[in-house]
Amino acid sequence: MQFTKKGTVLETNGTPLQVGDQLPVFQVQNRAGQTVTEDELINRMTFISVVPNINTPVCSLSTRKFNDEVGNYQNIDFYTISTNSTDEQQKWCALSDVSQMQMLSDREHDFGEKMGLWIKDAGIDARSVWVVDSDGKVIYRELVEELSHEPNYDQVLEFLKNQQN
């Protein structure tokens, strides 16, 4: 699939999942550098924000915004996945006062490749937002086709709110 970054066309390794698809088997690293799988992460409704690089303005802004919302949603796990190392993520979190949302590293790009989000030429995963149910089925997705744009916060947060009712 094609995404753009400030007008430059970038191609992902495949077609991203659709609503109704099952999450693939994948591995990422948690803050302790331990490998975790989707089975360990997805136990209830789960929100996943995928950002290309946590050390860039839009990625920082969106991660802070979603971090600030975590407390408004009961029984939903919130994750941010980026291709940054766990050390980079921890330093960013400490500097940005982000502690509600769990950061996961896709440094090995296993998640990105299996989700059809990996942009090899740029070494990043494409910006996207996902909500999956407790069985790992995609129930919401937003692909932010211009990577320098922010996701539609209101839309996904309203979706999450409606899932709690």
C-alpha atoms as a PDB file:
ATOM      1  CA  MET A   1       0.000   0.000   0.000  1.00  0.00           C
ATOM      2  CA  GLN A   2       1.179   3.512  -0.651  1.00  0.00           C
ATOM      3  CA  PHE A   3       1.628   6.114   2.058  1.00  0.00           C
ATOM      4  CA  THR A   4       3.293   9.497   1.711  1.00  0.00           C
ATOM      5  CA  LYS A   5       5.678  11.433   3.896  1.00  0.00           C
ATOM      6  CA  LYS A   6       5.567  15.136   3.076  1.00  0.00           C
ATOM      7  CA  GLY A   7       4.489  14.202  -0.436  1.00  0.00           C
ATOM      8  CA  THR A   8       7.118  11.504  -1.045  1.00  0.00           C
ATOM      9  CA  VAL A   9       5.490   8.176  -1.905  1.00  0.00           C
ATOM     10  CA  LEU A  10       6.447   5.249   0.337  1.00  0.00           C
ATOM     11  CA  GLU A  11       5.346   1.663  -0.159  1.00  0.00           C
ATOM     12  CA  THR A  12       4.503  -0.792   2.610  1.00  0.00           C
ATOM     13  CA  ASN A  13       5.435  -4.458   2.358  1.00  0.00           C
ATOM     14  CA  GLY A  14       1.819  -5.521   1.916  1.00  0.00           C
ATOM     15  CA  THR A  15      -1.822  -4.709   2.397  1.00  0.00           C
ATOM     16  CA  PRO A  16      -2.752  -3.706   5.964  1.00  0.00           C
ATOM     17  CA  LEU A  17      -5.380  -5.717   7.786  1.00  0.00           C
ATOM     18  CA  GLN A  18      -9.045  -4.845   7.382  1.00  0.00           C
ATOM     19  CA  VAL A  19     -11.765  -4.545  10.017  1.00  0.00           C
ATOM     20  CA  GLY A  20     -12.859  -8.111  10.764  1.00  0.00           C
ATOM     21  CA  ASP A  21      -9.387  -9.609  10.231  1.00  0.00           C
ATOM     22  CA  GLN A  22      -7.584 -11.497  12.970  1.00  0.00           C
ATOM     23  CA  LEU A  23      -4.315 -10.051  14.257  1.00  0.00           C
ATOM     24  CA  PRO A  24      -1.380 -12.130  13.030  1.00  0.00           C
ATOM     25  CA  VAL A  25       1.040 -13.882  15.367  1.00  0.00           C
ATOM     26  CA  PHE A  26       3.713 -11.256  16.080  1.00  0.00           C
ATOM     27  CA  GLN A  27       6.506 -10.354  18.477  1.00  0.00           C
ATOM     28  CA  VAL A  28       7.545  -6.990  19.904  1.00  0.00           C
ATOM     29  CA  GLN A  29       9.692  -5.971  22.863  1.00  0.00           C
ATOM     30  CA  ASN A  30       8.326  -4.466  26.066  1.00  0.00           C
ATOM     31  CA  ARG A  31      10.052  -1.774  28.115  1.00  0.00           C
ATOM     32  CA  ALA A  32      12.252  -4.393  29.820  1.00  0.00           C
ATOM     33  CA  GLY A  33      13.464  -5.581  26.414  1.00  0.00           C
ATOM     34  CA  GLN A  34      11.574  -8.854  26.745  1.00  0.00           C
ATOM     35  CA  THR A  35       9.894 -10.364  23.717  1.00  0.00           C
ATOM     36  CA  VAL A  36       6.114 -10.452  24.038  1.00  0.00           C
ATOM     37  CA  THR A  37       3.526 -11.831  21.638  1.00  0.00           C
ATOM     38  CA  GLU A  38       0.014 -10.847  20.697  1.00  0.00           C
ATOM     39  CA  ASP A  39      -1.294 -13.621  22.993  1.00  0.00           C
ATOM     40  CA  GLU A  40       0.389 -11.930  25.958  1.00  0.00           C
ATOM     41  CA  LEU A  41      -0.774  -8.443  24.978  1.00  0.00           C
ATOM     42  CA  ILE A  42      -4.354  -8.983  23.838  1.00  0.00           C
ATOM     43  CA  ASN A  43      -6.504 -10.110  26.788  1.00  0.00           C
ATOM     44  CA  ARG A  44      -9.322  -7.603  26.470  1.00  0.00           C
ATOM     45  CA  MET A  45     -10.229  -4.758  24.145  1.00  0.00           C
ATOM     46  CA  THR A  46      -6.967  -3.185  23.048  1.00  0.00           C
ATOM     47  CA  PHE A  47      -6.036   0.128  21.459  1.00  0.00           C
ATOM     48  CA  ILE A  48      -2.823   0.199  19.404  1.00  0.00           C
ATOM     49  CA  SER A  49      -1.283   3.384  18.061  1.00  0.00           C
ATOM     50  CA  VAL A  50       1.482   2.730  15.549  1.00  0.00           C
ATOM     51  CA  VAL A  51       3.921   5.616  15.116  1.00  0.00           C
ATOM     52  CA  PRO A  52       6.882   5.734  12.726  1.00  0.00           C
ATOM     53  CA  ASN A  53       9.393   7.350  15.119  1.00  0.00           C
ATOM     54  CA  ILE A  54       8.611   8.444  18.676  1.00  0.00           C
ATOM     55  CA  ASN A  55      11.286  11.160  18.449  1.00  0.00           C
ATOM     56  CA  THR A  56       9.417  13.192  15.828  1.00  0.00           C
ATOM     57  CA  PRO A  57       6.870  15.953  16.527  1.00  0.00           C
ATOM     58  CA  VAL A  58       3.688  14.274  15.235  1.00  0.00           C
ATOM     59  CA  CYS A  59       4.508  10.919  16.838  1.00  0.00           C
ATOM     60  CA  SER A  60       5.266  12.634  20.146  1.00  0.00           C
ATOM     61  CA  LEU A  61       2.091  14.693  19.991  1.00  0.00           C
ATOM     62  CA  SER A  62      -0.203  11.771  19.206  1.00  0.00           C
ATOM     63  CA  THR A  63       1.380   9.521  21.842  1.00  0.00           C
ATOM     64  CA  ARG A  64       0.986  12.226  24.506  1.00  0.00           C
ATOM     65  CA  LYS A  65      -2.627  12.803  23.451  1.00  0.00           C
ATOM     66  CA  PHE A  66      -3.539   9.128  23.687  1.00  0.00           C
ATOM     67  CA  ASN A  67      -1.594   8.757  26.953  1.00  0.00           C
ATOM     68  CA  ASP A  68      -3.716  11.550  28.446  1.00  0.00           C
ATOM     69  CA  GLU A  69      -6.891   9.652  27.495  1.00  0.00           C
ATOM     70  CA  VAL A  70      -6.042   6.260  29.021  1.00  0.00           C
ATOM     71  CA  GLY A  71      -7.766   6.971  32.338  1.00  0.00           C
ATOM     72  CA  ASN A  72     -11.060   7.759  30.578  1.00  0.00           C
ATOM     73  CA  TYR A  73     -11.457   4.223  29.260  1.00  0.00           C
ATOM     74  CA  GLN A  74     -11.955   1.324  31.629  1.00  0.00           C
ATOM     75  CA  ASN A  75     -11.085  -2.221  30.585  1.00  0.00           C
ATOM     76  CA  ILE A  76      -9.120  -1.153  27.508  1.00  0.00           C
ATOM     77  CA  ASP A  77      -5.370  -1.646  27.178  1.00  0.00           C
ATOM     78  CA  PHE A  78      -3.445   1.127  25.397  1.00  0.00           C
ATOM     79  CA  TYR A  79      -0.205   0.499  23.500  1.00  0.00           C
ATOM     80  CA  THR A  80       2.038   2.543  21.252  1.00  0.00           C
ATOM     81  CA  ILE A  81       4.254   0.600  18.859  1.00  0.00           C
ATOM     82  CA  SER A  82       7.210   2.184  17.084  1.00  0.00           C
ATOM     83  CA  THR A  83      10.400   0.949  15.462  1.00  0.00           C
ATOM     84  CA  ASN A  84      12.446   2.819  18.067  1.00  0.00           C
ATOM     85  CA  SER A  85      14.519   0.785  20.499  1.00  0.00           C
ATOM     86  CA  THR A  86      13.180   0.230  24.007  1.00  0.00           C
ATOM     87  CA  ASP A  87      15.933   2.533  25.333  1.00  0.00           C
ATOM     88  CA  GLU A  88      14.851   5.335  22.987  1.00  0.00           C
ATOM     89  CA  GLN A  89      11.232   4.818  24.010  1.00  0.00           C
ATOM     90  CA  GLN A  90      12.047   4.894  27.733  1.00  0.00           C
ATOM     91  CA  LYS A  91      14.096   8.087  27.390  1.00  0.00           C
ATOM     92  CA  TRP A  92      11.302   9.713  25.405  1.00  0.00           C
ATOM     93  CA  CYS A  93       8.687   8.652  27.983  1.00  0.00           C
ATOM     94  CA  ALA A  94      10.765  10.063  30.842  1.00  0.00           C
ATOM     95  CA  LEU A  95      11.220  13.390  29.051  1.00  0.00           C
ATOM     96  CA  SER A  96       7.583  13.542  27.936  1.00  0.00           C
ATOM     97  CA  ASP A  97       5.943  12.416  31.189  1.00  0.00           C
ATOM     98  CA  VAL A  98       4.189   9.519  29.454  1.00  0.00           C
ATOM     99  CA  SER A  99       3.437   6.693  31.852  1.00  0.00           C
ATOM    100  CA  GLN A 100      -0.153   5.542  31.266  1.00  0.00           C
ATOM    101  CA  MET A 101       0.326   3.990  27.857  1.00  0.00           C
ATOM    102  CA  GLN A 102       2.639   1.022  27.328  1.00  0.00           C
ATOM    103  CA  MET A 103       5.355   1.448  24.720  1.00  0.00           C
ATOM    104  CA  LEU A 104       6.351  -1.527  22.576  1.00  0.00           C
ATOM    105  CA  SER A 105       9.325  -1.721  20.237  1.00  0.00           C
ATOM    106  CA  ASP A 106       9.035  -3.164  16.753  1.00  0.00           C
ATOM    107  CA  ARG A 107      12.770  -2.747  16.205  1.00  0.00           C
ATOM    108  CA  GLU A 108      12.876  -6.111  14.420  1.00  0.00           C
ATOM    109  CA  HIS A 109       9.804  -5.044  12.362  1.00  0.00           C
ATOM    110  CA  ASP A 110       7.995  -8.347  12.926  1.00  0.00           C
ATOM    111  CA  PHE A 111       4.743  -6.550  13.796  1.00  0.00           C
ATOM    112  CA  GLY A 112       5.019  -4.131  10.881  1.00  0.00           C
ATOM    113  CA  GLU A 113       5.771  -6.848   8.350  1.00  0.00           C
ATOM    114  CA  LYS A 114       2.925  -9.074   9.480  1.00  0.00           C
ATOM    115  CA  MET A 115       0.454  -6.172   9.632  1.00  0.00           C
ATOM    116  CA  GLY A 116       1.422  -4.918   6.135  1.00  0.00           C
ATOM    117  CA  LEU A 117       2.712  -1.655   7.665  1.00  0.00           C
ATOM    118  CA  TRP A 118       6.491  -2.048   7.237  1.00  0.00           C
ATOM    119  CA  ILE A 119       8.082   0.594   4.996  1.00  0.00           C
ATOM    120  CA  LYS A 120      11.472  -0.941   4.324  1.00  0.00           C
ATOM    121  CA  ASP A 121      12.929   2.037   2.428  1.00  0.00           C
ATOM    122  CA  ALA A 122      12.313   4.310   5.420  1.00  0.00           C
ATOM    123  CA  GLY A 123      12.885   1.705   8.159  1.00  0.00           C
ATOM    124  CA  ILE A 124       9.563   2.498   9.842  1.00  0.00           C
ATOM    125  CA  ASP A 125       6.026   1.235  10.318  1.00  0.00           C
ATOM    126  CA  ALA A 126       3.216   3.306   8.803  1.00  0.00           C
ATOM    127  CA  ARG A 127       1.203   5.540  11.143  1.00  0.00           C
ATOM    128  CA  SER A 128      -2.052   3.826  12.005  1.00  0.00           C
ATOM    129  CA  VAL A 129      -4.547   3.298  14.810  1.00  0.00           C
ATOM    130  CA  TRP A 130      -6.133  -0.043  15.649  1.00  0.00           C
ATOM    131  CA  VAL A 131      -8.695  -1.359  18.100  1.00  0.00           C
ATOM    132  CA  VAL A 132      -8.990  -5.098  18.545  1.00  0.00           C
ATOM    133  CA  ASP A 133     -11.423  -7.102  20.623  1.00  0.00           C
ATOM    134  CA  SER A 134     -10.413  -9.567  23.333  1.00  0.00           C
ATOM    135  CA  ASP A 135     -10.066 -12.302  20.702  1.00  0.00           C
ATOM    136  CA  GLY A 136      -7.614 -10.236  18.619  1.00  0.00           C
ATOM    137  CA  LYS A 137     -10.076  -9.375  15.860  1.00  0.00           C
ATOM    138  CA  VAL A 138      -9.707  -5.904  14.312  1.00  0.00           C
ATOM    139  CA  ILE A 139     -12.823  -3.843  15.079  1.00  0.00           C
ATOM    140  CA  TYR A 140     -11.445  -0.414  14.118  1.00  0.00           C
ATOM    141  CA  ARG A 141      -8.604   0.850  11.975  1.00  0.00           C
ATOM    142  CA  GLU A 142      -7.345   4.157  10.717  1.00  0.00           C
ATOM    143  CA  LEU A 143      -4.498   4.295   8.220  1.00  0.00           C
ATOM    144  CA  VAL A 144      -2.967   7.778   8.223  1.00  0.00           C
ATOM    145  CA  GLU A 145      -1.887   7.839   4.603  1.00  0.00           C
ATOM    146  CA  GLU A 146       0.180  11.048   4.946  1.00  0.00           C
ATOM    147  CA  LEU A 147       2.636  10.121   7.693  1.00  0.00           C
ATOM    148  CA  SER A 148       3.190  13.734   8.742  1.00  0.00           C
ATOM    149  CA  HIS A 149      -0.511  14.041   9.687  1.00  0.00           C
ATOM    150  CA  GLU A 150      -2.088  13.192  13.015  1.00  0.00           C
ATOM    151  CA  PRO A 151      -4.725  10.494  13.404  1.00  0.00           C
ATOM    152  CA  ASN A 152      -8.375  11.415  13.881  1.00  0.00           C
ATOM    153  CA  TYR A 153      -8.395  11.506  17.676  1.00  0.00           C
ATOM    154  CA  ASP A 154     -12.076  12.330  18.054  1.00  0.00           C
ATOM    155  CA  GLN A 155     -13.175   9.461  15.839  1.00  0.00           C
ATOM    156  CA  VAL A 156     -11.226   6.709  17.582  1.00  0.00           C
ATOM    157  CA  LEU A 157     -11.930   8.040  21.086  1.00  0.00           C
ATOM    158  CA  GLU A 158     -15.658   8.193  20.302  1.00  0.00           C
ATOM    159  CA  PHE A 159     -15.443   4.630  19.007  1.00  0.00           C
ATOM    160  CA  LEU A 160     -13.796   3.514  22.269  1.00  0.00           C
ATOM    161  CA  LYS A 161     -16.386   5.396  24.323  1.00  0.00           C
ATOM    162  CA  ASN A 162     -19.197   3.653  22.463  1.00  0.00           C
ATOM    163  CA  GLN A 163     -17.579   0.258  23.107  1.00  0.00           C
ATOM    164  CA  GLN A 164     -17.817   0.850  26.863  1.00  0.00           C
ATOM    165  CA  ASN A 165     -21.572   1.512  26.795  1.00  0.00           C
END
